[in-house]
């Protein structure tokens, strides 16, 4: 039976959330990217200030992808986008260990009011300095049953594998 699933794609600043959504979406992504503030300017030219929205069909399931901003100053959007979600993808940049504390805080903030299935996408696995997903799991202090998958957000097959696993976990 076909399902319509709301999936939230979240993670720290510059982890690859927007790219994750853009890579897999079957429709043009609705994006709220704006020029970045001076503090983060060296990292990338734009940042998400409200959300990225995309949609993808995987088998019989239609996944509505809602990408959150990664900066804490936009954390009010995390709660708004998390309402009635069926599942969560936590995208982490596996090359930036310093962002893992933020990722864990975001994961707790998103899941504490509404526990749903989640997958951690250990992004940038195409880089030599990326941590293995098992090391990402340990760094995030997740139990051994938490699903942490290798991911390259610019590769459709990689993103599809993450979303397919999450869809299977959703009852």
N, C-alpha and C. Protein backbone atom coordinates (compact mmCIF):
# COMPACT_ATOMS: atom_id res chain seq x y z
N UNK A 1 0.84 -1.19 0.00
CA UNK A 1 0.00 0.00 0.00
C UNK A 1 0.88 1.25 0.00
N UNK A 2 0.58 2.21 -0.85
CA UNK A 2 1.40 3.43 -0.92
C UNK A 2 1.34 4.22 0.40
N UNK A 3 2.48 4.80 0.76
CA UNK A 3 2.54 5.62 1.97
C UNK A 3 3.07 7.00 1.58
N UNK A 4 2.59 8.00 2.29
CA UNK A 4 3.12 9.36 2.17
C UNK A 4 3.83 9.63 3.49
N UNK A 5 5.15 9.86 3.42
CA UNK A 5 5.97 10.00 4.62
C UNK A 5 6.62 11.37 4.68
N UNK A 6 6.55 11.99 5.84
CA UNK A 6 7.26 13.24 6.08
C UNK A 6 8.61 12.90 6.70
N UNK A 7 9.67 13.24 6.00
CA UNK A 7 11.03 12.98 6.46
C UNK A 7 11.72 14.32 6.71
N UNK A 8 12.30 14.47 7.89
CA UNK A 8 13.08 15.67 8.20
C UNK A 8 14.55 15.34 8.01
N UNK A 9 15.24 16.22 7.28
CA UNK A 9 16.68 16.08 7.04
C UNK A 9 17.35 17.21 7.82
N UNK A 10 18.10 16.84 8.85
CA UNK A 10 18.69 17.85 9.72
C UNK A 10 20.17 17.56 9.91
N UNK A 11 20.85 18.45 10.60
CA UNK A 11 22.27 18.28 10.87
C UNK A 11 22.93 19.62 11.09
N UNK A 12 24.18 19.60 11.53
CA UNK A 12 24.90 20.84 11.79
C UNK A 12 25.13 21.66 10.53
N UNK A 13 25.55 22.89 10.75
CA UNK A 13 25.88 23.82 9.67
C UNK A 13 26.88 23.20 8.70
N UNK A 14 26.58 23.28 7.43
CA UNK A 14 27.47 22.87 6.34
C UNK A 14 27.74 21.36 6.28
N UNK A 15 26.80 20.57 6.82
CA UNK A 15 26.98 19.11 6.80
C UNK A 15 26.61 18.49 5.45
N UNK A 16 25.77 19.19 4.67
CA UNK A 16 25.35 18.67 3.37
C UNK A 16 23.86 18.40 3.26
N UNK A 17 23.06 19.00 4.13
CA UNK A 17 21.61 18.77 4.14
C UNK A 17 20.94 19.23 2.86
N UNK A 18 21.22 20.46 2.44
CA UNK A 18 20.59 20.99 1.22
C UNK A 18 20.98 20.16 0.01
N UNK A 19 22.24 19.80 -0.09
CA UNK A 19 22.70 18.97 -1.20
C UNK A 19 22.02 17.61 -1.17
N UNK A 20 21.86 17.03 0.01
CA UNK A 20 21.18 15.74 0.18
C UNK A 20 19.78 15.81 -0.44
N UNK A 21 19.02 16.85 -0.09
CA UNK A 21 17.65 17.01 -0.60
C UNK A 21 17.67 17.26 -2.10
N UNK A 22 18.54 18.15 -2.57
CA UNK A 22 18.59 18.50 -4.00
C UNK A 22 19.00 17.31 -4.86
N UNK A 23 19.87 16.48 -4.36
CA UNK A 23 20.38 15.35 -5.14
C UNK A 23 19.29 14.34 -5.46
N UNK A 24 18.35 14.14 -4.57
CA UNK A 24 17.37 13.05 -4.73
C UNK A 24 15.99 13.53 -5.17
N UNK A 25 15.68 14.80 -5.00
CA UNK A 25 14.31 15.27 -5.23
C UNK A 25 13.87 15.09 -6.68
N UNK A 26 12.63 14.61 -6.85
CA UNK A 26 12.02 14.46 -8.17
C UNK A 26 11.45 15.78 -8.69
N UNK A 27 11.35 16.76 -7.83
CA UNK A 27 10.81 18.07 -8.21
C UNK A 27 11.88 19.12 -7.94
N UNK A 28 11.74 20.31 -8.55
CA UNK A 28 12.67 21.39 -8.18
C UNK A 28 12.53 21.70 -6.68
N UNK A 29 13.64 21.79 -6.00
CA UNK A 29 13.62 22.00 -4.55
C UNK A 29 13.21 23.43 -4.23
N UNK A 30 12.30 23.56 -3.27
CA UNK A 30 11.94 24.86 -2.73
C UNK A 30 12.99 25.16 -1.66
N UNK A 31 13.73 26.23 -1.86
CA UNK A 31 14.87 26.51 -0.99
C UNK A 31 14.77 27.92 -0.43
N UNK A 32 15.25 28.09 0.79
CA UNK A 32 15.28 29.41 1.42
C UNK A 32 16.72 29.77 1.77
N UNK A 33 17.61 29.59 0.82
CA UNK A 33 19.02 29.93 1.07
C UNK A 33 19.22 31.43 0.89
N UNK A 34 20.04 31.98 1.76
CA UNK A 34 20.37 33.40 1.73
C UNK A 34 21.88 33.56 1.88
N UNK A 35 22.36 34.76 1.52
CA UNK A 35 23.78 35.05 1.70
C UNK A 35 24.14 34.83 3.16
N UNK A 36 25.33 34.32 3.33
CA UNK A 36 25.78 33.94 4.66
C UNK A 36 26.33 35.14 5.43
N UNK A 37 26.28 35.07 6.75
CA UNK A 37 26.83 36.12 7.58
C UNK A 37 28.35 36.09 7.52
N UNK A 38 28.97 37.15 7.94
CA UNK A 38 30.43 37.26 7.88
C UNK A 38 31.14 36.14 8.63
N UNK A 39 30.55 35.70 9.75
CA UNK A 39 31.20 34.70 10.61
C UNK A 39 31.48 33.40 9.86
N UNK A 40 30.54 32.96 9.03
CA UNK A 40 30.69 31.67 8.34
C UNK A 40 31.07 31.83 6.87
N UNK A 41 31.33 33.04 6.42
CA UNK A 41 31.52 33.32 5.01
C UNK A 41 32.59 32.47 4.34
N UNK A 42 33.64 32.12 5.05
CA UNK A 42 34.71 31.33 4.46
C UNK A 42 34.32 29.89 4.15
N UNK A 43 33.22 29.41 4.72
CA UNK A 43 32.82 28.01 4.55
C UNK A 43 31.98 27.78 3.31
N UNK A 44 31.02 28.68 3.03
CA UNK A 44 30.15 28.55 1.87
C UNK A 44 29.44 29.87 1.65
N UNK A 45 28.96 30.14 0.42
CA UNK A 45 28.39 31.46 0.13
C UNK A 45 26.97 31.67 0.64
N UNK A 46 26.18 30.58 0.80
CA UNK A 46 24.79 30.72 1.22
C UNK A 46 24.47 29.69 2.30
N UNK A 47 23.39 29.98 3.05
CA UNK A 47 22.93 29.06 4.08
C UNK A 47 21.41 29.01 4.09
N UNK A 48 20.86 27.90 4.53
CA UNK A 48 19.42 27.74 4.64
C UNK A 48 18.93 28.50 5.87
N UNK A 49 17.90 29.33 5.70
CA UNK A 49 17.38 30.11 6.82
C UNK A 49 16.01 29.63 7.30
N UNK A 50 15.31 28.85 6.51
CA UNK A 50 14.01 28.32 6.95
C UNK A 50 13.91 26.83 6.64
N UNK A 51 14.00 26.47 5.35
CA UNK A 51 13.88 25.06 5.00
C UNK A 51 14.24 24.83 3.54
N UNK A 52 14.50 23.57 3.22
CA UNK A 52 14.57 23.08 1.85
C UNK A 52 13.46 22.04 1.75
N UNK A 53 12.69 22.10 0.67
CA UNK A 53 11.63 21.11 0.50
C UNK A 53 11.80 20.39 -0.84
N UNK A 54 11.78 19.08 -0.77
CA UNK A 54 11.82 18.26 -1.98
C UNK A 54 10.91 17.06 -1.81
N UNK A 55 10.73 16.33 -2.88
CA UNK A 55 9.86 15.14 -2.84
C UNK A 55 10.47 14.07 -3.72
N UNK A 56 10.38 12.83 -3.26
CA UNK A 56 10.91 11.72 -4.04
C UNK A 56 9.99 10.51 -3.87
N UNK A 57 9.83 9.77 -4.94
CA UNK A 57 9.09 8.51 -4.87
C UNK A 57 10.10 7.38 -4.82
N UNK A 58 9.97 6.54 -3.79
CA UNK A 58 10.80 5.34 -3.65
C UNK A 58 9.86 4.15 -3.60
N UNK A 59 9.79 3.40 -4.67
CA UNK A 59 8.83 2.30 -4.75
C UNK A 59 7.43 2.87 -4.67
N UNK A 60 6.64 2.33 -3.73
CA UNK A 60 5.28 2.83 -3.53
C UNK A 60 5.22 4.04 -2.60
N UNK A 61 6.31 4.34 -1.92
CA UNK A 61 6.32 5.43 -0.94
C UNK A 61 6.65 6.76 -1.59
N UNK A 62 5.95 7.81 -1.14
CA UNK A 62 6.29 9.18 -1.52
C UNK A 62 6.86 9.83 -0.27
N UNK A 63 8.10 10.30 -0.37
CA UNK A 63 8.76 10.94 0.76
C UNK A 63 8.80 12.44 0.54
N UNK A 64 8.23 13.16 1.49
CA UNK A 64 8.31 14.62 1.50
C UNK A 64 9.51 14.97 2.36
N UNK A 65 10.53 15.56 1.75
CA UNK A 65 11.79 15.86 2.43
C UNK A 65 11.80 17.30 2.90
N UNK A 66 11.98 17.49 4.18
CA UNK A 66 12.01 18.81 4.79
C UNK A 66 13.38 19.03 5.42
N UNK A 67 14.22 19.81 4.75
CA UNK A 67 15.56 20.08 5.25
C UNK A 67 15.56 21.28 6.18
N UNK A 68 16.20 21.12 7.33
CA UNK A 68 16.24 22.19 8.34
C UNK A 68 17.47 23.07 8.15
N UNK A 69 17.43 24.28 8.71
CA UNK A 69 18.67 25.06 8.82
C UNK A 69 19.60 24.38 9.83
N UNK A 70 20.89 24.58 9.67
CA UNK A 70 21.85 23.96 10.57
C UNK A 70 22.33 24.86 11.69
N UNK A 71 22.09 26.16 11.56
CA UNK A 71 22.58 27.09 12.56
C UNK A 71 21.60 27.19 13.74
N UNK A 72 22.14 27.25 14.95
CA UNK A 72 21.32 27.28 16.16
C UNK A 72 20.40 28.50 16.20
N UNK A 73 20.77 29.59 15.55
CA UNK A 73 19.91 30.78 15.59
C UNK A 73 18.59 30.56 14.86
N UNK A 74 18.52 29.50 14.05
CA UNK A 74 17.27 29.15 13.36
C UNK A 74 16.62 27.91 13.97
N UNK A 75 16.95 27.62 15.23
CA UNK A 75 16.46 26.38 15.85
C UNK A 75 14.95 26.34 16.02
N UNK A 76 14.28 27.49 15.99
CA UNK A 76 12.82 27.48 16.06
C UNK A 76 12.22 26.71 14.89
N UNK A 77 12.92 26.65 13.77
CA UNK A 77 12.43 25.91 12.59
C UNK A 77 12.52 24.40 12.81
N UNK A 78 13.44 23.94 13.65
CA UNK A 78 13.56 22.51 13.91
C UNK A 78 12.25 21.96 14.48
N UNK A 79 11.70 22.69 15.45
CA UNK A 79 10.45 22.25 16.08
C UNK A 79 9.29 22.31 15.08
N UNK A 80 9.22 23.37 14.30
CA UNK A 80 8.14 23.52 13.32
C UNK A 80 8.20 22.40 12.28
N UNK A 81 9.37 22.17 11.72
CA UNK A 81 9.51 21.14 10.68
C UNK A 81 9.38 19.73 11.23
N UNK A 82 9.68 19.56 12.51
CA UNK A 82 9.61 18.23 13.11
C UNK A 82 8.20 17.75 13.43
N UNK A 83 7.24 18.65 13.40
CA UNK A 83 5.86 18.25 13.71
C UNK A 83 5.36 17.20 12.72
N UNK A 84 4.81 16.14 13.26
CA UNK A 84 4.19 15.07 12.47
C UNK A 84 5.16 14.36 11.51
N UNK A 85 6.45 14.42 11.83
CA UNK A 85 7.41 13.70 10.98
C UNK A 85 7.30 12.20 11.24
N UNK A 86 7.58 11.44 10.20
CA UNK A 86 7.58 9.98 10.30
C UNK A 86 8.99 9.43 10.52
N UNK A 87 10.00 10.19 10.09
CA UNK A 87 11.38 9.74 10.22
C UNK A 87 12.33 10.91 10.10
N UNK A 88 13.58 10.67 10.50
CA UNK A 88 14.59 11.72 10.55
C UNK A 88 15.90 11.21 9.95
N UNK A 89 16.53 12.05 9.14
CA UNK A 89 17.89 11.80 8.67
C UNK A 89 18.77 12.87 9.30
N UNK A 90 19.77 12.44 10.07
CA UNK A 90 20.76 13.34 10.64
C UNK A 90 21.99 13.28 9.74
N UNK A 91 22.24 14.36 9.00
CA UNK A 91 23.42 14.42 8.13
C UNK A 91 24.56 15.03 8.92
N UNK A 92 25.67 14.32 9.00
CA UNK A 92 26.86 14.86 9.65
C UNK A 92 28.02 14.85 8.66
N UNK A 93 28.84 15.87 8.75
CA UNK A 93 30.06 15.93 7.94
C UNK A 93 31.09 15.07 8.67
N UNK A 94 31.37 13.91 8.12
CA UNK A 94 32.27 12.96 8.78
C UNK A 94 33.72 13.42 8.77
N UNK A 95 34.00 14.58 8.18
CA UNK A 95 35.36 15.12 8.19
C UNK A 95 35.53 16.22 9.25
N UNK A 96 34.44 16.62 9.91
CA UNK A 96 34.50 17.72 10.88
C UNK A 96 34.02 17.21 12.24
N UNK A 97 34.95 16.63 13.00
CA UNK A 97 34.61 16.07 14.31
C UNK A 97 34.06 17.12 15.27
N UNK A 98 34.47 18.37 15.07
CA UNK A 98 34.03 19.45 15.96
C UNK A 98 32.52 19.67 15.87
N UNK A 99 31.89 19.21 14.81
CA UNK A 99 30.44 19.42 14.66
C UNK A 99 29.61 18.32 15.33
N UNK A 100 30.25 17.28 15.84
CA UNK A 100 29.50 16.14 16.37
C UNK A 100 28.70 16.48 17.63
N UNK A 101 29.22 17.38 18.48
CA UNK A 101 28.46 17.78 19.67
C UNK A 101 27.17 18.47 19.25
N UNK A 102 27.26 19.35 18.25
CA UNK A 102 26.06 20.01 17.73
C UNK A 102 25.09 18.99 17.16
N UNK A 103 25.62 18.00 16.44
CA UNK A 103 24.77 16.97 15.85
C UNK A 103 24.02 16.19 16.93
N UNK A 104 24.71 15.83 17.99
CA UNK A 104 24.07 15.08 19.07
C UNK A 104 22.99 15.91 19.74
N UNK A 105 23.28 17.19 19.97
CA UNK A 105 22.28 18.08 20.57
C UNK A 105 21.06 18.19 19.67
N UNK A 106 21.28 18.36 18.38
CA UNK A 106 20.16 18.46 17.43
C UNK A 106 19.34 17.17 17.42
N UNK A 107 20.03 16.05 17.44
CA UNK A 107 19.34 14.75 17.43
C UNK A 107 18.44 14.62 18.67
N UNK A 108 18.98 14.96 19.82
CA UNK A 108 18.20 14.91 21.06
C UNK A 108 17.02 15.89 21.00
N UNK A 109 17.27 17.11 20.51
CA UNK A 109 16.20 18.11 20.43
C UNK A 109 15.09 17.67 19.49
N UNK A 110 15.45 17.06 18.38
CA UNK A 110 14.45 16.64 17.39
C UNK A 110 13.67 15.41 17.84
N UNK A 111 14.34 14.48 18.53
CA UNK A 111 13.71 13.20 18.85
C UNK A 111 13.05 13.16 20.23
N UNK A 112 13.46 14.02 21.16
CA UNK A 112 12.91 13.91 22.52
C UNK A 112 11.40 14.16 22.57
N UNK A 113 10.85 15.15 21.85
CA UNK A 113 9.40 15.31 21.93
C UNK A 113 8.63 14.31 21.06
N UNK A 114 9.29 13.70 20.10
CA UNK A 114 8.61 12.79 19.17
C UNK A 114 9.59 11.73 18.68
N UNK A 115 9.73 10.64 19.43
CA UNK A 115 10.66 9.59 18.99
C UNK A 115 10.16 8.93 17.70
N UNK A 116 10.97 9.00 16.68
CA UNK A 116 10.67 8.38 15.39
C UNK A 116 11.92 7.65 14.91
N UNK A 117 11.78 6.76 13.95
CA UNK A 117 12.98 6.12 13.39
C UNK A 117 13.93 7.18 12.80
N UNK A 118 15.23 6.93 12.94
CA UNK A 118 16.21 7.85 12.37
C UNK A 118 17.41 7.09 11.83
N UNK A 119 18.07 7.75 10.89
CA UNK A 119 19.32 7.26 10.32
C UNK A 119 20.32 8.41 10.37
N UNK A 120 21.55 8.11 10.73
CA UNK A 120 22.62 9.10 10.63
C UNK A 120 23.35 8.85 9.32
N UNK A 121 23.44 9.89 8.49
CA UNK A 121 24.17 9.81 7.23
C UNK A 121 25.54 10.42 7.45
N UNK A 122 26.57 9.57 7.53
CA UNK A 122 27.95 10.03 7.72
C UNK A 122 28.46 10.51 6.37
N UNK A 123 28.26 11.79 6.10
CA UNK A 123 28.49 12.37 4.78
C UNK A 123 29.98 12.61 4.48
N UNK A 124 30.24 12.77 3.22
CA UNK A 124 31.57 13.06 2.65
C UNK A 124 32.50 11.85 2.73
N UNK A 125 31.92 10.66 2.57
CA UNK A 125 32.70 9.43 2.60
C UNK A 125 33.60 9.28 1.38
N UNK A 126 33.49 10.18 0.43
CA UNK A 126 34.39 10.17 -0.73
C UNK A 126 35.72 10.86 -0.41
N UNK A 127 35.84 11.41 0.77
CA UNK A 127 37.08 12.08 1.17
C UNK A 127 37.92 11.18 2.05
N UNK A 128 39.22 11.26 1.89
CA UNK A 128 40.16 10.42 2.65
C UNK A 128 40.10 10.67 4.15
N UNK A 129 39.75 11.90 4.55
CA UNK A 129 39.75 12.24 5.98
C UNK A 129 38.39 12.01 6.65
N UNK A 130 37.46 11.37 5.96
CA UNK A 130 36.15 11.08 6.55
C UNK A 130 36.25 9.93 7.56
N UNK A 131 35.61 10.11 8.69
CA UNK A 131 35.56 9.04 9.69
C UNK A 131 34.64 7.92 9.22
N UNK A 132 34.99 6.70 9.53
CA UNK A 132 34.16 5.54 9.24
C UNK A 132 32.85 5.67 10.02
N UNK A 133 31.72 5.20 9.48
CA UNK A 133 30.45 5.30 10.20
C UNK A 133 30.48 4.75 11.63
N UNK A 134 31.23 3.69 11.90
CA UNK A 134 31.33 3.16 13.26
C UNK A 134 31.96 4.18 14.22
N UNK A 135 32.94 4.92 13.72
CA UNK A 135 33.58 5.96 14.55
C UNK A 135 32.64 7.14 14.76
N UNK A 136 31.83 7.44 13.74
CA UNK A 136 30.83 8.50 13.88
C UNK A 136 29.81 8.09 14.95
N UNK A 137 29.38 6.84 14.94
CA UNK A 137 28.43 6.34 15.94
C UNK A 137 29.00 6.55 17.35
N UNK A 138 30.26 6.17 17.54
CA UNK A 138 30.89 6.32 18.86
C UNK A 138 31.02 7.79 19.24
N UNK A 139 31.42 8.62 18.29
CA UNK A 139 31.58 10.05 18.57
C UNK A 139 30.25 10.71 18.95
N UNK A 140 29.16 10.21 18.39
CA UNK A 140 27.83 10.74 18.72
C UNK A 140 27.23 10.07 19.95
N UNK A 141 27.96 9.11 20.53
CA UNK A 141 27.51 8.38 21.72
C UNK A 141 26.16 7.69 21.48
N UNK A 142 26.03 7.08 20.31
CA UNK A 142 24.81 6.33 19.97
C UNK A 142 25.01 4.87 20.32
N UNK A 143 23.93 4.18 20.64
CA UNK A 143 24.08 2.76 20.94
C UNK A 143 24.36 1.97 19.66
N UNK A 144 24.77 0.74 19.82
CA UNK A 144 25.24 -0.05 18.68
C UNK A 144 24.13 -0.39 17.69
N UNK A 145 22.88 -0.20 18.09
CA UNK A 145 21.76 -0.49 17.20
C UNK A 145 21.38 0.70 16.32
N UNK A 146 21.90 1.88 16.64
CA UNK A 146 21.60 3.06 15.82
C UNK A 146 22.23 2.88 14.44
N UNK A 147 21.46 3.19 13.42
CA UNK A 147 21.93 3.01 12.05
C UNK A 147 22.70 4.25 11.60
N UNK A 148 24.00 4.08 11.39
CA UNK A 148 24.87 5.13 10.86
C UNK A 148 25.39 4.60 9.53
N UNK A 149 25.03 5.30 8.45
CA UNK A 149 25.36 4.83 7.10
C UNK A 149 26.36 5.74 6.42
N UNK A 150 27.24 5.15 5.61
CA UNK A 150 28.12 5.99 4.79
C UNK A 150 27.27 6.72 3.76
N UNK A 151 27.67 7.95 3.44
CA UNK A 151 26.90 8.74 2.49
C UNK A 151 27.81 9.72 1.75
N UNK A 152 27.46 9.95 0.50
CA UNK A 152 28.03 11.05 -0.28
C UNK A 152 26.82 11.79 -0.83
N UNK A 153 26.50 12.94 -0.25
CA UNK A 153 25.25 13.64 -0.53
C UNK A 153 25.12 14.08 -1.99
N UNK A 154 26.20 14.10 -2.72
CA UNK A 154 26.13 14.49 -4.14
C UNK A 154 25.84 13.31 -5.06
N UNK A 155 25.76 12.12 -4.50
CA UNK A 155 25.50 10.91 -5.30
C UNK A 155 24.10 10.38 -5.02
N UNK A 156 23.29 10.37 -6.06
CA UNK A 156 21.88 9.96 -5.91
C UNK A 156 21.75 8.55 -5.33
N UNK A 157 22.60 7.62 -5.77
CA UNK A 157 22.50 6.25 -5.25
C UNK A 157 22.78 6.20 -3.76
N UNK A 158 23.69 7.01 -3.28
CA UNK A 158 24.03 7.05 -1.87
C UNK A 158 22.87 7.60 -1.03
N UNK A 159 22.30 8.70 -1.49
CA UNK A 159 21.17 9.31 -0.79
C UNK A 159 19.97 8.35 -0.81
N UNK A 160 19.75 7.71 -1.94
CA UNK A 160 18.64 6.77 -2.07
C UNK A 160 18.77 5.60 -1.09
N UNK A 161 20.00 5.11 -0.90
CA UNK A 161 20.21 4.02 0.06
C UNK A 161 19.84 4.45 1.48
N UNK A 162 20.24 5.65 1.86
CA UNK A 162 19.91 6.16 3.20
C UNK A 162 18.39 6.25 3.37
N UNK A 163 17.72 6.86 2.39
CA UNK A 163 16.27 7.05 2.50
C UNK A 163 15.52 5.72 2.43
N UNK A 164 16.00 4.80 1.63
CA UNK A 164 15.36 3.47 1.54
C UNK A 164 15.44 2.74 2.87
N UNK A 165 16.59 2.81 3.53
CA UNK A 165 16.74 2.18 4.84
C UNK A 165 15.79 2.80 5.86
N UNK A 166 15.70 4.13 5.83
CA UNK A 166 14.81 4.82 6.77
C UNK A 166 13.35 4.43 6.49
N UNK A 167 12.95 4.41 5.23
CA UNK A 167 11.57 4.06 4.89
C UNK A 167 11.23 2.65 5.37
N UNK A 168 12.20 1.74 5.29
CA UNK A 168 11.97 0.37 5.79
C UNK A 168 11.76 0.34 7.30
N UNK A 169 12.39 1.26 8.01
CA UNK A 169 12.28 1.30 9.47
C UNK A 169 10.95 1.88 9.95
N UNK A 170 10.28 2.63 9.09
CA UNK A 170 9.03 3.29 9.46
C UNK A 170 7.88 2.30 9.33
N UNK A 171 7.17 2.08 10.40
CA UNK A 171 6.06 1.10 10.42
C UNK A 171 4.81 1.69 9.82
